[in-house]
Structures are given as C-alpha cells and as structure tokens.
Amino acid sequence: MNEFLEKEEEVLRMLKTVFDPEIPVNVYDLGLIYKIDIRDDNSCVIDMTLTAPSCPAADFLVEDIRQKVGSVEGIENVTVNLVFEPEWTKDMMSEEAKLELGFL
C-alpha cells in the first residue's frame, strides 16, 4: 500500500476513536466528518460539523481530533474547521451508528 493511503487509513482509524461524551458512537460513523484533506506538506485539514450548533462538547471534540490525528506518523499539523453547511441530519450516520442508537 502506498504511503498516502496508509496515512489516510490511519487518520480514519484515529477519527473512529473520537467519541462525543454523550453519544456512544464515534464522530466518523455519526457522519460529523465532512472532509479530510491530507496535504503534501504533511498537514491534515478536517471539516466537521456537530449534531447541534450549541453542542457543549465542541471544544473537547476538536481538541481530541487534533491530538489523535496529530499522532499519526507523517502528520505534522492538524487543522479542524467547524462547518454547519450542510446541516447535519441522522441520515448522515453509518448503518452501524443507526443500529447502535436504535434508529434501525
């Protein structure tokens, strides 16, 4: 596997270890991650949203993502952008997340 794909796979693996303290599903499977851009300069830019704009865990989630993705070998800088377009809906969750939360 090439180096870029390995890095991308590891970033995804780390995102799946980030949980909202109030929801037992990781941010990736919740559908909160809109974009992951791993750049040639070894930086990673992530666009994410929240289940609600007033989410009290927003700062915790952003910092947890920065730390965990920043621990990936070959990633030197992580920027997390909070975006609210498109608005998050339950339809963005993976099938596993819907099952875990009782939506299926």
PDB file of N, CA and C in Angstrom:
ATOM      1  N   MET A   1       0.856  -1.174   0.000  1.00  0.00           N
ATOM      2  CA  MET A   1       0.000   0.000   0.000  1.00  0.00           C
ATOM      3  C   MET A   1       0.904   1.239   0.000  1.00  0.00           C
ATOM      4  N   ASN A   2       0.508   2.274  -0.758  1.00  0.00           N
ATOM      5  CA  ASN A   2       1.378   3.433  -0.792  1.00  0.00           C
ATOM      6  C   ASN A   2       1.255   4.270   0.483  1.00  0.00           C
ATOM      7  N   GLU A   3       2.213   5.149   0.677  1.00  0.00           N
ATOM      8  CA  GLU A   3       2.315   5.922   1.908  1.00  0.00           C
ATOM      9  C   GLU A   3       1.085   6.794   2.157  1.00  0.00           C
ATOM     10  N   PHE A   4       0.560   7.422   1.093  1.00  0.00           N
ATOM     11  CA  PHE A   4      -0.616   8.281   1.251  1.00  0.00           C
ATOM     12  C   PHE A   4      -1.818   7.480   1.749  1.00  0.00           C
ATOM     13  N   LEU A   5      -2.058   6.326   1.148  1.00  0.00           N
ATOM     14  CA  LEU A   5      -3.206   5.508   1.557  1.00  0.00           C
ATOM     15  C   LEU A   5      -3.053   5.010   2.990  1.00  0.00           C
ATOM     16  N   GLU A   6      -1.833   4.678   3.373  1.00  0.00           N
ATOM     17  CA  GLU A   6      -1.584   4.250   4.748  1.00  0.00           C
ATOM     18  C   GLU A   6      -1.890   5.379   5.721  1.00  0.00           C
ATOM     19  N   LYS A   7      -1.456   6.591   5.373  1.00  0.00           N
ATOM     20  CA  LYS A   7      -1.708   7.755   6.212  1.00  0.00           C
ATOM     21  C   LYS A   7      -3.217   8.012   6.320  1.00  0.00           C
ATOM     22  N   GLU A   8      -3.902   7.942   5.185  1.00  0.00           N
ATOM     23  CA  GLU A   8      -5.344   8.175   5.159  1.00  0.00           C
ATOM     24  C   GLU A   8      -6.077   7.128   6.006  1.00  0.00           C
ATOM     25  N   GLU A   9      -5.682   5.887   5.876  1.00  0.00           N
ATOM     26  CA  GLU A   9      -6.292   4.807   6.653  1.00  0.00           C
ATOM     27  C   GLU A   9      -6.071   5.015   8.150  1.00  0.00           C
ATOM     28  N   GLU A  10      -4.880   5.449   8.521  1.00  0.00           N
ATOM     29  CA  GLU A  10      -4.566   5.684   9.928  1.00  0.00           C
ATOM     30  C   GLU A  10      -5.354   6.887  10.465  1.00  0.00           C
ATOM     31  N   VAL A  11      -5.513   7.935   9.659  1.00  0.00           N
ATOM     32  CA  VAL A  11      -6.319   9.096  10.072  1.00  0.00           C
ATOM     33  C   VAL A  11      -7.756   8.641  10.328  1.00  0.00           C
ATOM     34  N   LEU A  12      -8.312   7.842   9.427  1.00  0.00           N
ATOM     35  CA  LEU A  12      -9.676   7.331   9.620  1.00  0.00           C
ATOM     36  C   LEU A  12      -9.764   6.483  10.885  1.00  0.00           C
ATOM     37  N   ARG A  13      -8.763   5.651  11.098  1.00  0.00           N
ATOM     38  CA  ARG A  13      -8.753   4.808  12.303  1.00  0.00           C
ATOM     39  C   ARG A  13      -8.759   5.673  13.567  1.00  0.00           C
ATOM     40  N   MET A  14      -7.987   6.739  13.555  1.00  0.00           N
ATOM     41  CA  MET A  14      -7.930   7.623  14.724  1.00  0.00           C
ATOM     42  C   MET A  14      -9.249   8.377  14.911  1.00  0.00           C
ATOM     43  N   LEU A  15      -9.870   8.816  13.814  1.00  0.00           N
ATOM     44  CA  LEU A  15     -11.157   9.509  13.933  1.00  0.00           C
ATOM     45  C   LEU A  15     -12.219   8.605  14.548  1.00  0.00           C
ATOM     46  N   LYS A  16     -12.091   7.318  14.308  1.00  0.00           N
ATOM     47  CA  LYS A  16     -13.056   6.375  14.856  1.00  0.00           C
ATOM     48  C   LYS A  16     -12.832   6.106  16.346  1.00  0.00           C
ATOM     49  N   THR A  17     -11.817   6.764  16.940  1.00  0.00           N
ATOM     50  CA  THR A  17     -11.598   6.652  18.387  1.00  0.00           C
ATOM     51  C   THR A  17     -12.073   7.904  19.124  1.00  0.00           C
ATOM     52  N   VAL A  18     -12.656   8.855  18.377  1.00  0.00           N
ATOM     53  CA  VAL A  18     -13.129  10.109  18.969  1.00  0.00           C
ATOM     54  C   VAL A  18     -14.647   9.997  19.170  1.00  0.00           C
ATOM     55  N   PHE A  19     -15.069  10.122  20.425  1.00  0.00           N
ATOM     56  CA  PHE A  19     -16.482   9.974  20.778  1.00  0.00           C
ATOM     57  C   PHE A  19     -17.001  11.225  21.456  1.00  0.00           C
ATOM     58  N   ASP A  20     -18.215  11.617  21.091  1.00  0.00           N
ATOM     59  CA  ASP A  20     -18.927  12.648  21.838  1.00  0.00           C
ATOM     60  C   ASP A  20     -19.206  12.033  23.210  1.00  0.00           C
ATOM     61  N   PRO A  21     -18.924  12.747  24.300  1.00  0.00           N
ATOM     62  CA  PRO A  21     -19.122  12.172  25.638  1.00  0.00           C
ATOM     63  C   PRO A  21     -20.566  11.723  25.907  1.00  0.00           C
ATOM     64  N   GLU A  22     -21.531  12.270  25.168  1.00  0.00           N
ATOM     65  CA  GLU A  22     -22.934  11.943  25.421  1.00  0.00           C
ATOM     66  C   GLU A  22     -23.506  10.917  24.445  1.00  0.00           C
ATOM     67  N   ILE A  23     -22.729  10.555  23.407  1.00  0.00           N
ATOM     68  CA  ILE A  23     -23.233   9.640  22.384  1.00  0.00           C
ATOM     69  C   ILE A  23     -22.230   8.495  22.220  1.00  0.00           C
ATOM     70  N   PRO A  24     -22.679   7.244  22.324  1.00  0.00           N
ATOM     71  CA  PRO A  24     -21.741   6.106  22.277  1.00  0.00           C
ATOM     72  C   PRO A  24     -21.337   5.686  20.852  1.00  0.00           C
ATOM     73  N   VAL A  25     -21.160   6.660  19.963  1.00  0.00           N
ATOM     74  CA  VAL A  25     -20.775   6.387  18.584  1.00  0.00           C
ATOM     75  C   VAL A  25     -19.677   7.380  18.213  1.00  0.00           C
ATOM     76  N   ASN A  26     -18.682   6.920  17.449  1.00  0.00           N
ATOM     77  CA  ASN A  26     -17.575   7.811  17.082  1.00  0.00           C
ATOM     78  C   ASN A  26     -18.014   8.872  16.075  1.00  0.00           C
ATOM     79  N   VAL A  27     -17.238   9.959  15.994  1.00  0.00           N
ATOM     80  CA  VAL A  27     -17.602  11.105  15.151  1.00  0.00           C
ATOM     81  C   VAL A  27     -17.648  10.745  13.669  1.00  0.00           C
ATOM     82  N   TYR A  28     -16.837   9.783  13.244  1.00  0.00           N
ATOM     83  CA  TYR A  28     -16.833   9.395  11.836  1.00  0.00           C
ATOM     84  C   TYR A  28     -18.131   8.675  11.474  1.00  0.00           C
ATOM     85  N   ASP A  29     -18.510   7.693  12.273  1.00  0.00           N
ATOM     86  CA  ASP A  29     -19.740   6.951  11.997  1.00  0.00           C
ATOM     87  C   ASP A  29     -20.992   7.790  12.241  1.00  0.00           C
ATOM     88  N   LEU A  30     -20.883   8.821  13.085  1.00  0.00           N
ATOM     89  CA  LEU A  30     -22.009   9.737  13.268  1.00  0.00           C
ATOM     90  C   LEU A  30     -22.232  10.604  12.026  1.00  0.00           C
ATOM     91  N   GLY A  31     -21.243  10.647  11.145  1.00  0.00           N
ATOM     92  CA  GLY A  31     -21.365  11.470   9.945  1.00  0.00           C
ATOM     93  C   GLY A  31     -20.970  12.919  10.172  1.00  0.00           C
ATOM     94  N   LEU A  32     -20.200  13.165  11.232  1.00  0.00           N
ATOM     95  CA  LEU A  32     -19.794  14.537  11.556  1.00  0.00           C
ATOM     96  C   LEU A  32     -18.584  14.995  10.760  1.00  0.00           C
ATOM     97  N   ILE A  33     -17.859  14.081  10.148  1.00  0.00           N
ATOM     98  CA  ILE A  33     -16.668  14.425   9.374  1.00  0.00           C
ATOM     99  C   ILE A  33     -17.085  14.626   7.916  1.00  0.00           C
ATOM    100  N   TYR A  34     -16.955  15.846   7.434  1.00  0.00           N
ATOM    101  CA  TYR A  34     -17.358  16.171   6.060  1.00  0.00           C
ATOM    102  C   TYR A  34     -16.216  16.068   5.064  1.00  0.00           C
ATOM    103  N   LYS A  35     -14.990  16.372   5.510  1.00  0.00           N
ATOM    104  CA  LYS A  35     -13.867  16.353   4.569  1.00  0.00           C
ATOM    105  C   LYS A  35     -12.575  16.087   5.323  1.00  0.00           C
ATOM    106  N   ILE A  36     -11.707  15.293   4.713  1.00  0.00           N
ATOM    107  CA  ILE A  36     -10.360  15.039   5.230  1.00  0.00           C
ATOM    108  C   ILE A  36      -9.406  15.325   4.080  1.00  0.00           C
ATOM    109  N   ASP A  37      -8.532  16.287   4.285  1.00  0.00           N
ATOM    110  CA  ASP A  37      -7.583  16.677   3.245  1.00  0.00           C
ATOM    111  C   ASP A  37      -6.165  16.506   3.781  1.00  0.00           C
ATOM    112  N   ILE A  38      -5.502  15.442   3.358  1.00  0.00           N
ATOM    113  CA  ILE A  38      -4.117  15.209   3.749  1.00  0.00           C
ATOM    114  C   ILE A  38      -3.248  15.826   2.660  1.00  0.00           C
ATOM    115  N   ARG A  39      -2.440  16.783   3.051  1.00  0.00           N
ATOM    116  CA  ARG A  39      -1.677  17.572   2.077  1.00  0.00           C
ATOM    117  C   ARG A  39      -0.223  17.124   1.975  1.00  0.00           C
ATOM    118  N   ASP A  40       0.401  17.548   0.877  1.00  0.00           N
ATOM    119  CA  ASP A  40       1.800  17.192   0.625  1.00  0.00           C
ATOM    120  C   ASP A  40       2.760  17.728   1.681  1.00  0.00           C
ATOM    121  N   ASP A  41       2.361  18.797   2.391  1.00  0.00           N
ATOM    122  CA  ASP A  41       3.241  19.375   3.417  1.00  0.00           C
ATOM    123  C   ASP A  41       3.075  18.677   4.779  1.00  0.00           C
ATOM    124  N   ASN A  42       2.451  17.480   4.770  1.00  0.00           N
ATOM    125  CA  ASN A  42       2.228  16.676   5.973  1.00  0.00           C
ATOM    126  C   ASN A  42       1.228  17.288   6.943  1.00  0.00           C
ATOM    127  N   SER A  43       0.378  18.180   6.420  1.00  0.00           N
ATOM    128  CA  SER A  43      -0.694  18.712   7.249  1.00  0.00           C
ATOM    129  C   SER A  43      -1.988  17.988   6.897  1.00  0.00           C
ATOM    130  N   CYS A  44      -2.946  18.074   7.794  1.00  0.00           N
ATOM    131  CA  CYS A  44      -4.252  17.461   7.580  1.00  0.00           C
ATOM    132  C   CYS A  44      -5.306  18.488   7.961  1.00  0.00           C
ATOM    133  N   VAL A  45      -6.217  18.751   7.043  1.00  0.00           N
ATOM    134  CA  VAL A  45      -7.308  19.686   7.289  1.00  0.00           C
ATOM    135  C   VAL A  45      -8.603  18.884   7.296  1.00  0.00           C
ATOM    136  N   ILE A  46      -9.348  19.028   8.372  1.00  0.00           N
ATOM    137  CA  ILE A  46     -10.591  18.284   8.536  1.00  0.00           C
ATOM    138  C   ILE A  46     -11.743  19.265   8.698  1.00  0.00           C
ATOM    139  N   ASP A  47     -12.766  19.089   7.871  1.00  0.00           N
ATOM    140  CA  ASP A  47     -14.007  19.839   8.043  1.00  0.00           C
ATOM    141  C   ASP A  47     -14.977  18.925   8.758  1.00  0.00           C
ATOM    142  N   MET A  48     -15.538  19.426   9.847  1.00  0.00           N
ATOM    143  CA  MET A  48     -16.502  18.638  10.607  1.00  0.00           C
ATOM    144  C   MET A  48     -17.642  19.515  11.068  1.00  0.00           C
ATOM    145  N   THR A  49     -18.714  18.873  11.445  1.00  0.00           N
ATOM    146  CA  THR A  49     -19.850  19.584  11.994  1.00  0.00           C
ATOM    147  C   THR A  49     -20.184  18.993  13.352  1.00  0.00           C
ATOM    148  N   LEU A  50     -21.248  19.463  13.921  1.00  0.00           N
ATOM    149  CA  LEU A  50     -21.717  18.964  15.215  1.00  0.00           C
ATOM    150  C   LEU A  50     -23.167  18.526  15.066  1.00  0.00           C
ATOM    151  N   THR A  51     -23.639  17.699  15.976  1.00  0.00           N
ATOM    152  CA  THR A  51     -25.037  17.281  15.906  1.00  0.00           C
ATOM    153  C   THR A  51     -25.966  18.460  16.160  1.00  0.00           C
ATOM    154  N   ALA A  52     -25.476  19.471  16.892  1.00  0.00           N
ATOM    155  CA  ALA A  52     -26.229  20.703  17.151  1.00  0.00           C
ATOM    156  C   ALA A  52     -25.221  21.839  17.274  1.00  0.00           C
ATOM    157  N   PRO A  53     -25.522  23.017  16.734  1.00  0.00           N
ATOM    158  CA  PRO A  53     -24.568  24.136  16.789  1.00  0.00           C
ATOM    159  C   PRO A  53     -24.141  24.511  18.209  1.00  0.00           C
ATOM    160  N   SER A  54     -24.988  24.269  19.187  1.00  0.00           N
ATOM    161  CA  SER A  54     -24.659  24.633  20.567  1.00  0.00           C
ATOM    162  C   SER A  54     -24.095  23.465  21.370  1.00  0.00           C
ATOM    163  N   CYS A  55     -23.547  22.471  20.691  1.00  0.00           N
ATOM    164  CA  CYS A  55     -23.012  21.275  21.346  1.00  0.00           C
ATOM    165  C   CYS A  55     -21.985  21.659  22.418  1.00  0.00           C
ATOM    166  N   PRO A  56     -22.217  21.279  23.673  1.00  0.00           N
ATOM    167  CA  PRO A  56     -21.279  21.635  24.735  1.00  0.00           C
ATOM    168  C   PRO A  56     -19.933  20.908  24.634  1.00  0.00           C
ATOM    169  N   ALA A  57     -19.870  19.845  23.848  1.00  0.00           N
ATOM    170  CA  ALA A  57     -18.630  19.074  23.722  1.00  0.00           C
ATOM    171  C   ALA A  57     -17.770  19.525  22.541  1.00  0.00           C
ATOM    172  N   ALA A  58     -18.136  20.611  21.872  1.00  0.00           N
ATOM    173  CA  ALA A  58     -17.440  21.040  20.651  1.00  0.00           C
ATOM    174  C   ALA A  58     -15.937  21.199  20.874  1.00  0.00           C
ATOM    175  N   ASP A  59     -15.533  21.941  21.883  1.00  0.00           N
ATOM    176  CA  ASP A  59     -14.099  22.170  22.126  1.00  0.00           C
ATOM    177  C   ASP A  59     -13.378  20.864  22.429  1.00  0.00           C
ATOM    178  N   PHE A  60     -14.009  19.999  23.210  1.00  0.00           N
ATOM    179  CA  PHE A  60     -13.428  18.702  23.543  1.00  0.00           C
ATOM    180  C   PHE A  60     -13.209  17.875  22.284  1.00  0.00           C
ATOM    181  N   LEU A  61     -14.229  17.817  21.418  1.00  0.00           N
ATOM    182  CA  LEU A  61     -14.139  17.016  20.199  1.00  0.00           C
ATOM    183  C   LEU A  61     -13.045  17.532  19.272  1.00  0.00           C
ATOM    184  N   VAL A  62     -12.994  18.841  19.078  1.00  0.00           N
ATOM    185  CA  VAL A  62     -11.980  19.431  18.190  1.00  0.00           C
ATOM    186  C   VAL A  62     -10.585  19.131  18.717  1.00  0.00           C
ATOM    187  N   GLU A  63     -10.373  19.308  20.000  1.00  0.00           N
ATOM    188  CA  GLU A  63      -9.043  19.061  20.575  1.00  0.00           C
ATOM    189  C   GLU A  63      -8.687  17.577  20.537  1.00  0.00           C
ATOM    190  N   ASP A  64      -9.651  16.708  20.790  1.00  0.00           N
ATOM    191  CA  ASP A  64      -9.405  15.267  20.734  1.00  0.00           C
ATOM    192  C   ASP A  64      -9.010  14.858  19.316  1.00  0.00           C
ATOM    193  N   ILE A  65      -9.690  15.398  18.316  1.00  0.00           N
ATOM    194  CA  ILE A  65      -9.342  15.109  16.923  1.00  0.00           C
ATOM    195  C   ILE A  65      -7.941  15.615  16.606  1.00  0.00           C
ATOM    196  N   ARG A  66      -7.631  16.850  17.021  1.00  0.00           N
ATOM    197  CA  ARG A  66      -6.285  17.407  16.769  1.00  0.00           C
ATOM    198  C   ARG A  66      -5.204  16.506  17.343  1.00  0.00           C
ATOM    199  N   GLN A  67      -5.394  16.084  18.579  1.00  0.00           N
ATOM    200  CA  GLN A  67      -4.379  15.264  19.246  1.00  0.00           C
ATOM    201  C   GLN A  67      -4.247  13.890  18.599  1.00  0.00           C
ATOM    202  N   LYS A  68      -5.366  13.229  18.357  1.00  0.00           N
ATOM    203  CA  LYS A  68      -5.312  11.864  17.840  1.00  0.00           C
ATOM    204  C   LYS A  68      -4.838  11.814  16.396  1.00  0.00           C
ATOM    205  N   VAL A  69      -5.355  12.688  15.547  1.00  0.00           N
ATOM    206  CA  VAL A  69      -4.902  12.709  14.157  1.00  0.00           C
ATOM    207  C   VAL A  69      -3.453  13.197  14.100  1.00  0.00           C
ATOM    208  N   GLY A  70      -3.096  14.123  14.979  1.00  0.00           N
ATOM    209  CA  GLY A  70      -1.721  14.611  15.033  1.00  0.00           C
ATOM    210  C   GLY A  70      -0.725  13.547  15.463  1.00  0.00           C
ATOM    211  N   SER A  71      -1.207  12.464  16.062  1.00  0.00           N
ATOM    212  CA  SER A  71      -0.310  11.388  16.487  1.00  0.00           C
ATOM    213  C   SER A  71       0.010  10.424  15.342  1.00  0.00           C
ATOM    214  N   VAL A  72      -0.662  10.585  14.204  1.00  0.00           N
ATOM    215  CA  VAL A  72      -0.417   9.715  13.055  1.00  0.00           C
ATOM    216  C   VAL A  72       0.960  10.027  12.470  1.00  0.00           C
ATOM    217  N   GLU A  73       1.739   8.990  12.245  1.00  0.00           N
ATOM    218  CA  GLU A  73       3.071   9.170  11.677  1.00  0.00           C
ATOM    219  C   GLU A  73       2.966   9.846  10.310  1.00  0.00           C
ATOM    220  N   GLY A  74       3.713  10.930  10.143  1.00  0.00           N
ATOM    221  CA  GLY A  74       3.696  11.663   8.882  1.00  0.00           C
ATOM    222  C   GLY A  74       2.741  12.839   8.868  1.00  0.00           C
ATOM    223  N   ILE A  75       1.949  13.013   9.918  1.00  0.00           N
ATOM    224  CA  ILE A  75       1.066  14.177  10.033  1.00  0.00           C
ATOM    225  C   ILE A  75       1.700  15.122  11.044  1.00  0.00           C
ATOM    226  N   GLU A  76       2.031  16.324  10.578  1.00  0.00           N
ATOM    227  CA  GLU A  76       2.724  17.267  11.445  1.00  0.00           C
ATOM    228  C   GLU A  76       1.835  18.388  11.968  1.00  0.00           C
ATOM    229  N   ASN A  77       0.738  18.675  11.272  1.00  0.00           N
ATOM    230  CA  ASN A  77      -0.135  19.766  11.671  1.00  0.00           C
ATOM    231  C   ASN A  77      -1.571  19.388  11.336  1.00  0.00           C
ATOM    232  N   VAL A  78      -2.483  19.625  12.273  1.00  0.00           N
ATOM    233  CA  VAL A  78      -3.893  19.296  12.059  1.00  0.00           C
ATOM    234  C   VAL A  78      -4.732  20.546  12.276  1.00  0.00           C
ATOM    235  N   THR A  79      -5.551  20.864  11.290  1.00  0.00           N
ATOM    236  CA  THR A  79      -6.497  21.964  11.395  1.00  0.00           C
ATOM    237  C   THR A  79      -7.894  21.376  11.327  1.00  0.00           C
ATOM    238  N   VAL A  80      -8.725  21.724  12.301  1.00  0.00           N
ATOM    239  CA  VAL A  80     -10.109  21.262  12.316  1.00  0.00           C
ATOM    240  C   VAL A  80     -11.010  22.469  12.135  1.00  0.00           C
ATOM    241  N   ASN A  81     -11.762  22.471  11.053  1.00  0.00           N
ATOM    242  CA  ASN A  81     -12.707  23.546  10.771  1.00  0.00           C
ATOM    243  C   ASN A  81     -14.108  23.082  11.134  1.00  0.00           C
ATOM    244  N   LEU A  82     -14.784  23.848  11.992  1.00  0.00           N
ATOM    245  CA  LEU A  82     -16.188  23.555  12.287  1.00  0.00           C
ATOM    246  C   LEU A  82     -17.037  24.229  11.222  1.00  0.00           C
ATOM    247  N   VAL A  83     -17.850  23.444  10.543  1.00  0.00           N
ATOM    248  CA  VAL A  83     -18.724  23.965   9.499  1.00  0.00           C
ATOM    249  C   VAL A  83     -20.162  23.525   9.810  1.00  0.00           C
ATOM    250  N   PHE A  84     -21.112  24.284   9.335  1.00  0.00           N
ATOM    251  CA  PHE A  84     -22.511  23.959   9.613  1.00  0.00           C
ATOM    252  C   PHE A  84     -23.352  23.878   8.343  1.00  0.00           C
ATOM    253  N   GLU A  85     -22.667  23.800   7.210  1.00  0.00           N
ATOM    254  CA  GLU A  85     -23.327  23.601   5.926  1.00  0.00           C
ATOM    255  C   GLU A  85     -22.674  22.417   5.252  1.00  0.00           C
ATOM    256  N   PRO A  86     -23.366  21.397   4.852  1.00  0.00           N
ATOM    257  CA  PRO A  86     -24.797  21.230   5.080  1.00  0.00           C
ATOM    258  C   PRO A  86     -25.091  20.900   6.534  1.00  0.00           C
ATOM    259  N   GLU A  87     -26.282  21.197   6.943  1.00  0.00           N
ATOM    260  CA  GLU A  87     -26.703  20.906   8.310  1.00  0.00           C
ATOM    261  C   GLU A  87     -26.720  19.393   8.520  1.00  0.00           C
ATOM    262  N   TRP A  88     -26.209  18.948   9.667  1.00  0.00           N
ATOM    263  CA  TRP A  88     -26.157  17.528   9.969  1.00  0.00           C
ATOM    264  C   TRP A  88     -27.564  16.986  10.204  1.00  0.00           C
ATOM    265  N   THR A  89     -27.802  15.771   9.691  1.00  0.00           N
ATOM    266  CA  THR A  89     -29.051  15.056   9.973  1.00  0.00           C
ATOM    267  C   THR A  89     -28.709  13.610  10.313  1.00  0.00           C
ATOM    268  N   LYS A  90     -29.658  12.909  10.873  1.00  0.00           N
ATOM    269  CA  LYS A  90     -29.443  11.495  11.233  1.00  0.00           C
ATOM    270  C   LYS A  90     -29.162  10.635  10.009  1.00  0.00           C
ATOM    271  N   ASP A  91     -29.573  11.093   8.839  1.00  0.00           N
ATOM    272  CA  ASP A  91     -29.330  10.337   7.602  1.00  0.00           C
ATOM    273  C   ASP A  91     -27.840  10.228   7.277  1.00  0.00           C
ATOM    274  N   MET A  92     -27.007  11.082   7.867  1.00  0.00           N
ATOM    275  CA  MET A  92     -25.566  11.082   7.600  1.00  0.00           C
ATOM    276  C   MET A  92     -24.830  10.010   8.386  1.00  0.00           C
ATOM    277  N   MET A  93     -25.512   9.381   9.337  1.00  0.00           N
ATOM    278  CA  MET A  93     -24.878   8.359  10.159  1.00  0.00           C
ATOM    279  C   MET A  93     -24.710   7.069   9.369  1.00  0.00           C
ATOM    280  N   SER A  94     -23.680   6.307   9.722  1.00  0.00           N
ATOM    281  CA  SER A  94     -23.483   4.992   9.115  1.00  0.00           C
ATOM    282  C   SER A  94     -24.586   4.055   9.607  1.00  0.00           C
ATOM    283  N   GLU A  95     -24.750   2.947   8.904  1.00  0.00           N
ATOM    284  CA  GLU A  95     -25.746   1.961   9.320  1.00  0.00           C
ATOM    285  C   GLU A  95     -25.431   1.443  10.728  1.00  0.00           C
ATOM    286  N   GLU A  96     -24.132   1.260  11.029  1.00  0.00           N
ATOM    287  CA  GLU A  96     -23.725   0.775  12.349  1.00  0.00           C
ATOM    288  C   GLU A  96     -24.139   1.761  13.438  1.00  0.00           C
ATOM    289  N   ALA A  97     -23.956   3.064  13.159  1.00  0.00           N
ATOM    290  CA  ALA A  97     -24.320   4.089  14.153  1.00  0.00           C
ATOM    291  C   ALA A  97     -25.827   4.110  14.367  1.00  0.00           C
ATOM    292  N   LYS A  98     -26.591   4.005  13.283  1.00  0.00           N
ATOM    293  CA  LYS A  98     -28.054   3.991  13.411  1.00  0.00           C
ATOM    294  C   LYS A  98     -28.510   2.784  14.228  1.00  0.00           C
ATOM    295  N   LEU A  99     -27.877   1.646  13.992  1.00  0.00           N
ATOM    296  CA  LEU A  99     -28.215   0.440  14.737  1.00  0.00           C
ATOM    297  C   LEU A  99     -27.879   0.607  16.213  1.00  0.00           C
ATOM    298  N   GLU A 100     -26.685   1.120  16.496  1.00  0.00           N
ATOM    299  CA  GLU A 100     -26.225   1.325  17.875  1.00  0.00           C
ATOM    300  C   GLU A 100     -27.152   2.265  18.645  1.00  0.00           C
ATOM    301  N   LEU A 101     -27.679   3.289  17.953  1.00  0.00           N
ATOM    302  CA  LEU A 101     -28.525   4.282  18.617  1.00  0.00           C
ATOM    303  C   LEU A 101     -30.014   3.955  18.534  1.00  0.00           C
ATOM    304  N   GLY A 102     -30.345   2.809  17.935  1.00  0.00           N
ATOM    305  CA  GLY A 102     -31.725   2.371  17.885  1.00  0.00           C
ATOM    306  C   GLY A 102     -32.564   3.026  16.814  1.00  0.00           C
ATOM    307  N   PHE A 103     -31.938   3.547  15.762  1.00  0.00           N
ATOM    308  CA  PHE A 103     -32.686   4.168  14.673  1.00  0.00           C
ATOM    309  C   PHE A 103     -33.045   3.183  13.575  1.00  0.00           C
ATOM    310  N   LEU A 104     -32.613   1.936  13.686  1.00  0.00           N
ATOM    311  CA  LEU A 104     -32.967   0.901  12.710  1.00  0.00           C
ATOM    312  C   LEU A 104     -33.777  -0.194  13.362  1.00  0.00           C
TER     313      LEU A 104
END
